[in-house]
Structures are given as C-alpha cells and as structure tokens.
Amino acid sequence: MFETGDYVVYGHVGICQVKGVTTMNMDGVPRDRLYYVLQPDGKTEGTVYTPVDNMKLVLRPVMTREEAEKLISDIPEIDTLLIENDKVRETRYKECLKSCNSRELVRIIKTIYYRRRDRLACGKKATAMDERYMKMAEDNLYSELSLLLNIPKENMVNYITEKIAEA
C-alpha cells in the first residue's frame, strides 16, 4: 500500500501524489472499500479517487533516480514500434500508454519522432494521431523524469539529448 505523500504513476492521469486513503459515503459503494485520494502533479485543483484494490488501471510507484538515469542511457537501444497499419498503430499506442511503462513511452516517442522525420522528408505533415500520442507520451514520461531528476519538464528533451550525446 502507498503512504500519504508518496508519488505514484496512475493510468493515463500520470504523476500523482497520494494525499490519503479514505472510504466513500455513496450509494452503491461498499462502506469498507478503501480508496486512494490522489492529486495529479502540478495541479492545485482536482482530485482522483481510485480503489486501493483497483485492477483496471495501473498504479505504480515512480521510478528511482537511478532507474530514470538508466532509462535515459538505454534510449538508443529501445526499439521503435514497426507497424504499418494506422488502426493497429493507434491500438498499440493506447496499449503502451495504458501500461504506464516508461520504456513503452520511449518506444512511442521514438516511433513518432522517426515517422514525423520521414513524413517531413517526403513533403508530408505529421499525422494528427501521431501528434496527439506524442504529446501524451512525452507529458507522462517527462513529468516523471522531471520529478526525479529535478529538471523542469520543458528542459527534459535537451537534457535527454545531451545525455545520449555524451554516451
């Protein structure tokens, strides 16, 4: 169980801080079922309630600083997603995001980065779908790395690029 003050990654919401554990006083909800009270990181308003025993969405602890640094150093070796069909690609993007796995987020970002580069070289624009999933993947990944490495999220691309260049 997570403790008050812990930072966690929760489904598509991303980084949240555990504000407490409570029960719900609502019709149709068992009075003894425990819920985490989560505050999405960077937001002063808005609260998320999720059952402690929730099996539908991933709720995991944030990486350690060492895990974050290792992830960044591993980026060149992380494979892209090789999917030609747009519908299948979108399904795979959704699966990667839903997993809350940082390596999967890197896969999305790398895939879309290379797709965008190739499309621009052919005189085409990046697709709206790619742009949407790129933003979600970057937001989730960079928020977690920013928290762990104490680097502003908007500086994360430059930090990662420099670290990879040094290797």
N, C-alpha and C. Protein backbone atom coordinates (compact mmCIF):
# COMPACT_ATOMS: atom_id res chain seq x y z
N MET A 1 0.83 -1.18 0.00
CA MET A 1 0.00 0.00 0.00
C MET A 1 0.88 1.25 0.00
N PHE A 2 0.43 2.28 -0.69
CA PHE A 2 1.17 3.53 -0.74
C PHE A 2 0.85 4.38 0.48
N GLU A 3 1.78 5.21 0.86
CA GLU A 3 1.62 6.08 2.03
C GLU A 3 1.30 7.50 1.59
N THR A 4 0.70 8.27 2.47
CA THR A 4 0.44 9.67 2.21
C THR A 4 1.76 10.37 1.91
N GLY A 5 1.77 11.14 0.83
CA GLY A 5 2.98 11.85 0.42
C GLY A 5 3.74 11.15 -0.69
N ASP A 6 3.48 9.84 -0.90
CA ASP A 6 4.16 9.11 -1.98
C ASP A 6 3.73 9.66 -3.33
N TYR A 7 4.65 9.59 -4.28
CA TYR A 7 4.32 9.90 -5.67
C TYR A 7 4.13 8.59 -6.41
N VAL A 8 3.10 8.56 -7.23
CA VAL A 8 2.76 7.36 -8.00
C VAL A 8 2.46 7.76 -9.44
N VAL A 9 2.49 6.77 -10.32
CA VAL A 9 2.04 6.95 -11.69
C VAL A 9 0.71 6.22 -11.78
N TYR A 10 -0.33 6.94 -12.19
CA TYR A 10 -1.66 6.37 -12.24
C TYR A 10 -2.26 6.47 -13.63
N GLY A 11 -2.38 5.33 -14.30
CA GLY A 11 -3.04 5.25 -15.60
C GLY A 11 -2.69 6.39 -16.52
N HIS A 12 -3.68 6.90 -17.22
CA HIS A 12 -3.46 8.00 -18.16
C HIS A 12 -3.33 9.35 -17.46
N VAL A 13 -3.60 9.39 -16.15
CA VAL A 13 -3.51 10.64 -15.40
C VAL A 13 -2.04 11.06 -15.24
N GLY A 14 -1.16 10.07 -15.06
CA GLY A 14 0.27 10.36 -14.91
C GLY A 14 0.66 10.47 -13.44
N ILE A 15 1.60 11.37 -13.17
CA ILE A 15 2.14 11.53 -11.82
C ILE A 15 1.08 12.13 -10.90
N CYS A 16 0.93 11.47 -9.75
CA CYS A 16 0.01 11.96 -8.72
C CYS A 16 0.70 11.81 -7.37
N GLN A 17 0.28 12.64 -6.43
CA GLN A 17 0.74 12.48 -5.06
C GLN A 17 -0.41 11.90 -4.25
N VAL A 18 -0.08 10.89 -3.44
CA VAL A 18 -1.09 10.28 -2.57
C VAL A 18 -1.35 11.25 -1.42
N LYS A 19 -2.60 11.69 -1.32
CA LYS A 19 -2.99 12.62 -0.27
C LYS A 19 -3.60 11.91 0.93
N GLY A 20 -3.95 10.63 0.74
CA GLY A 20 -4.53 9.87 1.84
C GLY A 20 -5.27 8.66 1.34
N VAL A 21 -5.87 7.96 2.28
CA VAL A 21 -6.71 6.80 1.99
C VAL A 21 -8.03 7.03 2.72
N THR A 22 -9.14 6.75 2.04
CA THR A 22 -10.44 7.02 2.63
C THR A 22 -11.46 5.98 2.18
N THR A 23 -12.63 6.07 2.73
CA THR A 23 -13.77 5.29 2.25
C THR A 23 -14.72 6.28 1.59
N MET A 24 -15.69 5.76 0.84
CA MET A 24 -16.65 6.63 0.16
C MET A 24 -18.01 6.50 0.83
N ASN A 25 -18.67 7.61 0.96
CA ASN A 25 -20.02 7.62 1.52
C ASN A 25 -20.99 7.87 0.38
N MET A 26 -21.14 6.82 -0.48
CA MET A 26 -22.01 6.96 -1.66
C MET A 26 -22.87 5.71 -1.78
N ASP A 27 -24.06 5.90 -2.31
CA ASP A 27 -24.94 4.76 -2.56
C ASP A 27 -24.29 3.82 -3.56
N GLY A 28 -24.39 2.54 -3.30
CA GLY A 28 -23.87 1.53 -4.21
C GLY A 28 -22.39 1.24 -4.03
N VAL A 29 -21.74 1.93 -3.12
CA VAL A 29 -20.31 1.72 -2.89
C VAL A 29 -20.16 1.12 -1.50
N PRO A 30 -19.49 -0.04 -1.41
CA PRO A 30 -19.30 -0.64 -0.08
C PRO A 30 -18.60 0.33 0.87
N ARG A 31 -19.12 0.44 2.07
CA ARG A 31 -18.60 1.40 3.06
C ARG A 31 -17.19 1.04 3.54
N ASP A 32 -16.81 -0.23 3.38
CA ASP A 32 -15.50 -0.65 3.89
C ASP A 32 -14.42 -0.69 2.80
N ARG A 33 -14.76 -0.32 1.58
CA ARG A 33 -13.78 -0.34 0.49
C ARG A 33 -12.89 0.91 0.60
N LEU A 34 -11.57 0.70 0.55
CA LEU A 34 -10.62 1.79 0.69
C LEU A 34 -10.25 2.38 -0.67
N TYR A 35 -10.09 3.70 -0.68
CA TYR A 35 -9.73 4.45 -1.89
C TYR A 35 -8.52 5.32 -1.61
N TYR A 36 -7.61 5.36 -2.60
CA TYR A 36 -6.53 6.34 -2.55
C TYR A 36 -7.11 7.69 -2.98
N VAL A 37 -6.69 8.73 -2.32
CA VAL A 37 -7.01 10.09 -2.71
C VAL A 37 -5.74 10.62 -3.38
N LEU A 38 -5.83 10.87 -4.69
CA LEU A 38 -4.66 11.27 -5.47
C LEU A 38 -4.83 12.69 -6.00
N GLN A 39 -3.75 13.46 -5.93
CA GLN A 39 -3.75 14.79 -6.53
C GLN A 39 -2.78 14.76 -7.70
N PRO A 40 -3.30 14.96 -8.92
CA PRO A 40 -2.41 14.99 -10.08
C PRO A 40 -1.32 16.05 -9.91
N ASP A 41 -0.09 15.69 -10.23
CA ASP A 41 1.07 16.56 -10.05
C ASP A 41 0.93 17.83 -10.88
N GLY A 42 1.26 18.94 -10.26
CA GLY A 42 1.22 20.21 -10.97
C GLY A 42 -0.15 20.85 -11.00
N LYS A 43 -1.14 20.20 -10.43
CA LYS A 43 -2.49 20.76 -10.43
C LYS A 43 -2.92 21.00 -8.98
N THR A 44 -3.33 22.21 -8.70
CA THR A 44 -3.76 22.53 -7.34
C THR A 44 -5.21 22.13 -7.11
N GLU A 45 -5.96 22.01 -8.21
CA GLU A 45 -7.35 21.60 -8.10
C GLU A 45 -7.54 20.25 -8.74
N GLY A 46 -8.54 19.55 -8.32
CA GLY A 46 -8.83 18.24 -8.90
C GLY A 46 -8.25 17.13 -8.05
N THR A 47 -9.07 16.16 -7.80
CA THR A 47 -8.68 15.01 -7.00
C THR A 47 -9.18 13.76 -7.70
N VAL A 48 -8.38 12.72 -7.63
CA VAL A 48 -8.73 11.43 -8.22
C VAL A 48 -8.89 10.44 -7.07
N TYR A 49 -9.97 9.69 -7.12
CA TYR A 49 -10.20 8.62 -6.14
C TYR A 49 -10.13 7.30 -6.90
N THR A 50 -9.33 6.38 -6.39
CA THR A 50 -9.24 5.07 -7.02
C THR A 50 -9.17 4.01 -5.94
N PRO A 51 -9.87 2.91 -6.15
CA PRO A 51 -9.83 1.86 -5.13
C PRO A 51 -8.40 1.36 -4.90
N VAL A 52 -8.08 1.10 -3.67
CA VAL A 52 -6.77 0.56 -3.32
C VAL A 52 -6.54 -0.76 -4.05
N ASP A 53 -7.62 -1.53 -4.23
CA ASP A 53 -7.52 -2.84 -4.88
C ASP A 53 -7.89 -2.78 -6.37
N ASN A 54 -7.76 -1.61 -6.99
CA ASN A 54 -8.11 -1.41 -8.40
C ASN A 54 -7.25 -2.31 -9.30
N MET A 55 -7.89 -3.09 -10.15
CA MET A 55 -7.17 -3.95 -11.08
C MET A 55 -7.31 -3.48 -12.53
N LYS A 56 -8.08 -2.42 -12.76
CA LYS A 56 -8.33 -1.96 -14.12
C LYS A 56 -7.24 -1.03 -14.64
N LEU A 57 -6.76 -0.13 -13.82
CA LEU A 57 -5.73 0.81 -14.24
C LEU A 57 -4.46 0.58 -13.43
N VAL A 58 -3.33 0.80 -14.09
CA VAL A 58 -2.05 0.62 -13.43
C VAL A 58 -1.81 1.76 -12.44
N LEU A 59 -1.39 1.40 -11.26
CA LEU A 59 -0.97 2.34 -10.24
C LEU A 59 0.36 1.82 -9.73
N ARG A 60 1.43 2.55 -10.03
CA ARG A 60 2.76 2.07 -9.66
C ARG A 60 3.56 3.18 -9.01
N PRO A 61 4.57 2.82 -8.25
CA PRO A 61 5.45 3.85 -7.69
C PRO A 61 6.25 4.50 -8.81
N VAL A 62 6.67 5.74 -8.61
CA VAL A 62 7.55 6.37 -9.59
C VAL A 62 8.89 5.64 -9.58
N MET A 63 9.62 5.78 -10.66
CA MET A 63 10.95 5.18 -10.74
C MET A 63 11.85 5.82 -9.68
N THR A 64 12.96 5.18 -9.43
CA THR A 64 14.00 5.81 -8.62
C THR A 64 14.84 6.68 -9.53
N ARG A 65 15.64 7.53 -8.96
CA ARG A 65 16.54 8.38 -9.76
C ARG A 65 17.47 7.51 -10.60
N GLU A 66 17.97 6.43 -10.00
CA GLU A 66 18.88 5.53 -10.71
C GLU A 66 18.17 4.87 -11.90
N GLU A 67 16.92 4.46 -11.70
CA GLU A 67 16.14 3.86 -12.79
C GLU A 67 15.90 4.88 -13.91
N ALA A 68 15.67 6.12 -13.54
CA ALA A 68 15.45 7.18 -14.53
C ALA A 68 16.72 7.40 -15.36
N GLU A 69 17.85 7.46 -14.69
CA GLU A 69 19.12 7.66 -15.40
C GLU A 69 19.43 6.47 -16.31
N LYS A 70 19.13 5.26 -15.83
CA LYS A 70 19.35 4.05 -16.64
C LYS A 70 18.43 4.07 -17.86
N LEU A 71 17.19 4.45 -17.68
CA LEU A 71 16.25 4.54 -18.80
C LEU A 71 16.79 5.49 -19.87
N ILE A 72 17.25 6.64 -19.45
CA ILE A 72 17.78 7.62 -20.41
C ILE A 72 18.99 7.05 -21.14
N SER A 73 19.87 6.38 -20.44
CA SER A 73 21.05 5.80 -21.11
C SER A 73 20.67 4.66 -22.04
N ASP A 74 19.53 4.01 -21.79
CA ASP A 74 19.07 2.89 -22.63
C ASP A 74 18.30 3.34 -23.86
N ILE A 75 17.93 4.60 -23.96
CA ILE A 75 17.07 5.08 -25.05
C ILE A 75 17.59 4.67 -26.43
N PRO A 76 18.88 4.80 -26.72
CA PRO A 76 19.33 4.41 -28.07
C PRO A 76 19.05 2.94 -28.41
N GLU A 77 18.99 2.07 -27.41
CA GLU A 77 18.77 0.64 -27.66
C GLU A 77 17.29 0.24 -27.65
N ILE A 78 16.41 1.13 -27.23
CA ILE A 78 14.98 0.80 -27.17
C ILE A 78 14.42 0.85 -28.58
N ASP A 79 13.79 -0.25 -28.99
CA ASP A 79 13.25 -0.38 -30.35
C ASP A 79 12.01 0.48 -30.55
N THR A 80 11.81 0.86 -31.81
CA THR A 80 10.58 1.56 -32.18
C THR A 80 9.50 0.52 -32.46
N LEU A 81 8.28 0.99 -32.64
CA LEU A 81 7.17 0.12 -33.00
C LEU A 81 7.11 0.06 -34.52
N LEU A 82 7.19 -1.11 -35.08
CA LEU A 82 7.17 -1.27 -36.53
C LEU A 82 5.80 -1.76 -36.97
N ILE A 83 4.88 -0.80 -37.17
CA ILE A 83 3.50 -1.12 -37.53
C ILE A 83 3.10 -0.22 -38.68
N GLU A 84 2.70 -0.80 -39.79
CA GLU A 84 2.32 -0.02 -40.96
C GLU A 84 0.87 0.45 -40.92
N ASN A 85 -0.02 -0.37 -40.38
CA ASN A 85 -1.45 -0.07 -40.37
C ASN A 85 -1.77 0.97 -39.29
N ASP A 86 -2.43 2.07 -39.70
CA ASP A 86 -2.72 3.15 -38.76
C ASP A 86 -3.61 2.72 -37.60
N LYS A 87 -4.63 1.92 -37.87
CA LYS A 87 -5.54 1.47 -36.80
C LYS A 87 -4.79 0.61 -35.78
N VAL A 88 -3.97 -0.29 -36.28
CA VAL A 88 -3.19 -1.17 -35.40
C VAL A 88 -2.18 -0.33 -34.61
N ARG A 89 -1.58 0.65 -35.27
CA ARG A 89 -0.60 1.52 -34.60
C ARG A 89 -1.27 2.28 -33.45
N GLU A 90 -2.46 2.82 -33.70
CA GLU A 90 -3.14 3.56 -32.64
C GLU A 90 -3.48 2.64 -31.47
N THR A 91 -3.92 1.43 -31.78
CA THR A 91 -4.21 0.46 -30.71
C THR A 91 -2.95 0.19 -29.89
N ARG A 92 -1.83 0.06 -30.57
CA ARG A 92 -0.56 -0.21 -29.88
C ARG A 92 -0.13 0.99 -29.05
N TYR A 93 -0.32 2.20 -29.57
CA TYR A 93 -0.03 3.40 -28.80
C TYR A 93 -0.85 3.41 -27.50
N LYS A 94 -2.14 3.10 -27.63
CA LYS A 94 -3.01 3.08 -26.46
C LYS A 94 -2.54 2.06 -25.43
N GLU A 95 -2.16 0.87 -25.91
CA GLU A 95 -1.66 -0.18 -25.01
C GLU A 95 -0.40 0.28 -24.28
N CYS A 96 0.50 0.91 -25.01
CA CYS A 96 1.74 1.40 -24.40
C CYS A 96 1.44 2.45 -23.33
N LEU A 97 0.55 3.38 -23.62
CA LEU A 97 0.20 4.41 -22.64
C LEU A 97 -0.47 3.80 -21.42
N LYS A 98 -1.37 2.87 -21.65
CA LYS A 98 -2.12 2.25 -20.56
C LYS A 98 -1.21 1.45 -19.63
N SER A 99 -0.11 0.93 -20.17
CA SER A 99 0.80 0.11 -19.37
C SER A 99 1.53 0.91 -18.30
N CYS A 100 1.63 2.23 -18.48
CA CYS A 100 2.40 3.10 -17.58
C CYS A 100 3.87 2.68 -17.48
N ASN A 101 4.33 2.00 -18.51
CA ASN A 101 5.72 1.53 -18.54
C ASN A 101 6.55 2.58 -19.27
N SER A 102 7.55 3.10 -18.59
CA SER A 102 8.36 4.18 -19.15
C SER A 102 9.07 3.77 -20.43
N ARG A 103 9.51 2.53 -20.52
CA ARG A 103 10.18 2.07 -21.74
C ARG A 103 9.19 2.08 -22.91
N GLU A 104 7.94 1.75 -22.64
CA GLU A 104 6.92 1.78 -23.69
C GLU A 104 6.64 3.22 -24.14
N LEU A 105 6.70 4.15 -23.21
CA LEU A 105 6.53 5.56 -23.58
C LEU A 105 7.67 6.01 -24.49
N VAL A 106 8.89 5.56 -24.17
CA VAL A 106 10.03 5.88 -25.03
C VAL A 106 9.81 5.30 -26.42
N ARG A 107 9.28 4.09 -26.49
CA ARG A 107 9.01 3.47 -27.80
C ARG A 107 8.05 4.32 -28.63
N ILE A 108 7.00 4.83 -28.00
CA ILE A 108 6.05 5.69 -28.71
C ILE A 108 6.77 6.94 -29.21
N ILE A 109 7.50 7.59 -28.34
CA ILE A 109 8.18 8.84 -28.69
C ILE A 109 9.16 8.62 -29.83
N LYS A 110 9.96 7.56 -29.74
CA LYS A 110 10.94 7.29 -30.80
C LYS A 110 10.23 6.96 -32.12
N THR A 111 9.20 6.16 -32.04
CA THR A 111 8.46 5.78 -33.25
C THR A 111 7.91 7.02 -33.95
N ILE A 112 7.25 7.87 -33.19
CA ILE A 112 6.63 9.05 -33.77
C ILE A 112 7.69 10.05 -34.24
N TYR A 113 8.77 10.16 -33.51
CA TYR A 113 9.87 11.05 -33.94
C TYR A 113 10.37 10.64 -35.33
N TYR A 114 10.64 9.35 -35.51
CA TYR A 114 11.15 8.88 -36.81
C TYR A 114 10.07 8.95 -37.90
N ARG A 115 8.82 8.65 -37.54
CA ARG A 115 7.73 8.77 -38.53
C ARG A 115 7.58 10.22 -38.98
N ARG A 116 7.62 11.15 -38.03
CA ARG A 116 7.49 12.57 -38.35
C ARG A 116 8.63 13.02 -39.26
N ARG A 117 9.85 12.62 -38.91
CA ARG A 117 11.02 12.98 -39.72
C ARG A 117 10.89 12.46 -41.15
N ASP A 118 10.48 11.19 -41.28
CA ASP A 118 10.34 10.58 -42.60
C ASP A 118 9.22 11.24 -43.41
N ARG A 119 8.11 11.55 -42.76
CA ARG A 119 7.00 12.19 -43.46
C ARG A 119 7.39 13.60 -43.92
N LEU A 120 8.07 14.34 -43.07
CA LEU A 120 8.50 15.69 -43.45
C LEU A 120 9.49 15.64 -44.62
N ALA A 121 10.35 14.63 -44.64
CA ALA A 121 11.31 14.48 -45.74
C ALA A 121 10.59 14.21 -47.06
N CYS A 122 9.40 13.62 -46.98
CA CYS A 122 8.60 13.34 -48.19
C CYS A 122 7.62 14.46 -48.50
N GLY A 123 7.72 15.56 -47.77
CA GLY A 123 6.83 16.69 -48.00
C GLY A 123 5.46 16.54 -47.37
N LYS A 124 5.31 15.59 -46.45
CA LYS A 124 4.03 15.38 -45.78
C LYS A 124 4.08 15.93 -44.37
N LYS A 125 2.91 16.20 -43.82
CA LYS A 125 2.81 16.64 -42.43
C LYS A 125 2.76 15.43 -41.51
N ALA A 126 3.07 15.66 -40.26
CA ALA A 126 2.88 14.62 -39.24
C ALA A 126 1.37 14.42 -39.09
N THR A 127 0.96 13.21 -38.76
CA THR A 127 -0.47 12.95 -38.61
C THR A 127 -0.97 13.49 -37.27
N ALA A 128 -2.23 13.84 -37.23
CA ALA A 128 -2.85 14.33 -36.00
C ALA A 128 -2.80 13.26 -34.91
N MET A 129 -2.99 12.00 -35.32
CA MET A 129 -2.94 10.91 -34.35
C MET A 129 -1.55 10.83 -33.72
N ASP A 130 -0.51 10.88 -34.56
CA ASP A 130 0.85 10.82 -34.04
C ASP A 130 1.13 11.98 -33.09
N GLU A 131 0.71 13.17 -33.48
CA GLU A 131 0.94 14.35 -32.63
C GLU A 131 0.24 14.21 -31.28
N ARG A 132 -0.97 13.69 -31.30
CA ARG A 132 -1.74 13.51 -30.06
C ARG A 132 -1.05 12.52 -29.13
N TYR A 133 -0.62 11.38 -29.68
CA TYR A 133 0.02 10.37 -28.84
C TYR A 133 1.43 10.78 -28.42
N MET A 134 2.11 11.54 -29.25
CA MET A 134 3.43 12.06 -28.88
C MET A 134 3.29 12.96 -27.67
N LYS A 135 2.31 13.85 -27.70
CA LYS A 135 2.10 14.77 -26.58
C LYS A 135 1.80 14.01 -25.30
N MET A 136 0.93 13.01 -25.37
CA MET A 136 0.59 12.24 -24.17
C MET A 136 1.80 11.48 -23.64
N ALA A 137 2.54 10.82 -24.52
CA ALA A 137 3.70 10.03 -24.10
C ALA A 137 4.78 10.95 -23.51
N GLU A 138 5.05 12.06 -24.18
CA GLU A 138 6.06 12.98 -23.65
C GLU A 138 5.62 13.56 -22.31
N ASP A 139 4.37 13.96 -22.21
CA ASP A 139 3.89 14.54 -20.97
C ASP A 139 4.05 13.56 -19.81
N ASN A 140 3.63 12.31 -20.02
CA ASN A 140 3.74 11.31 -18.95
C ASN A 140 5.19 11.01 -18.60
N LEU A 141 6.02 10.76 -19.61
CA LEU A 141 7.41 10.40 -19.35
C LEU A 141 8.19 11.58 -18.76
N TYR A 142 8.08 12.75 -19.36
CA TYR A 142 8.86 13.90 -18.92
C TYR A 142 8.41 14.39 -17.55
N SER A 143 7.15 14.22 -17.21
CA SER A 143 6.69 14.60 -15.86
C SER A 143 7.38 13.75 -14.81
N GLU A 144 7.45 12.44 -15.06
CA GLU A 144 8.09 11.56 -14.10
C GLU A 144 9.60 11.84 -14.02
N LEU A 145 10.25 11.97 -15.15
CA LEU A 145 11.69 12.25 -15.15
C LEU A 145 11.99 13.60 -14.50
N SER A 146 11.15 14.58 -14.76
CA SER A 146 11.33 15.90 -14.18
C SER A 146 11.28 15.84 -12.65
N LEU A 147 10.32 15.12 -12.14
CA LEU A 147 10.17 14.96 -10.69
C LEU A 147 11.41 14.31 -10.09
N LEU A 148 11.91 13.27 -10.73
CA LEU A 148 13.03 12.50 -10.19
C LEU A 148 14.37 13.20 -10.34
N LEU A 149 14.56 13.89 -11.45
CA LEU A 149 15.85 14.49 -11.74
C LEU A 149 15.91 15.97 -11.37
N ASN A 150 14.77 16.50 -10.91
CA ASN A 150 14.67 17.90 -10.50
C ASN A 150 15.08 18.85 -11.64
N ILE A 151 14.55 18.54 -12.82
CA ILE A 151 14.78 19.34 -14.02
C ILE A 151 13.40 19.74 -14.53
N PRO A 152 13.21 21.01 -14.89
CA PRO A 152 11.90 21.41 -15.41
C PRO A 152 11.51 20.55 -16.63
N LYS A 153 10.24 20.20 -16.69
CA LYS A 153 9.74 19.33 -17.76
C LYS A 153 10.06 19.88 -19.14
N GLU A 154 9.98 21.20 -19.30
CA GLU A 154 10.23 21.80 -20.60
C GLU A 154 11.71 21.70 -21.02
N ASN A 155 12.60 21.37 -20.09
CA ASN A 155 14.03 21.19 -20.40
C ASN A 155 14.41 19.73 -20.60
N MET A 156 13.45 18.83 -20.47
CA MET A 156 13.76 17.41 -20.49
C MET A 156 14.30 16.92 -21.83
N VAL A 157 13.77 17.40 -22.94
CA VAL A 157 14.25 16.97 -24.26
C VAL A 157 15.73 17.31 -24.40
N ASN A 158 16.10 18.55 -24.04
CA ASN A 158 17.50 18.96 -24.13
C ASN A 158 18.38 18.12 -23.21
N TYR A 159 17.92 17.87 -22.00
CA TYR A 159 18.70 17.06 -21.04
C TYR A 159 18.93 15.65 -21.61
N ILE A 160 17.87 15.04 -22.11
CA ILE A 160 17.99 13.67 -22.65
C ILE A 160 18.92 13.66 -23.86
N THR A 161 18.76 14.63 -24.74
CA THR A 161 19.60 14.71 -25.94
C THR A 161 21.08 14.84 -25.55
N GLU A 162 21.37 15.68 -24.57
CA GLU A 162 22.76 15.85 -24.11
C GLU A 162 23.31 14.56 -23.50
N LYS A 163 22.50 13.90 -22.66
CA LYS A 163 22.95 12.66 -22.02
C LYS A 163 23.24 11.57 -23.05
N ILE A 164 22.41 11.47 -24.06
CA ILE A 164 22.62 10.45 -25.10
C ILE A 164 23.88 10.79 -25.91
N ALA A 165 24.09 12.08 -26.20
CA ALA A 165 25.26 12.51 -26.97
C ALA A 165 26.56 12.24 -26.20
N GLU A 166 26.52 12.33 -24.87
CA GLU A 166 27.70 12.09 -24.04
C GLU A 166 28.11 10.63 -24.02
N ALA A 167 27.13 9.75 -24.22
CA ALA A 167 27.40 8.29 -24.08
C ALA A 167 28.27 7.76 -25.22
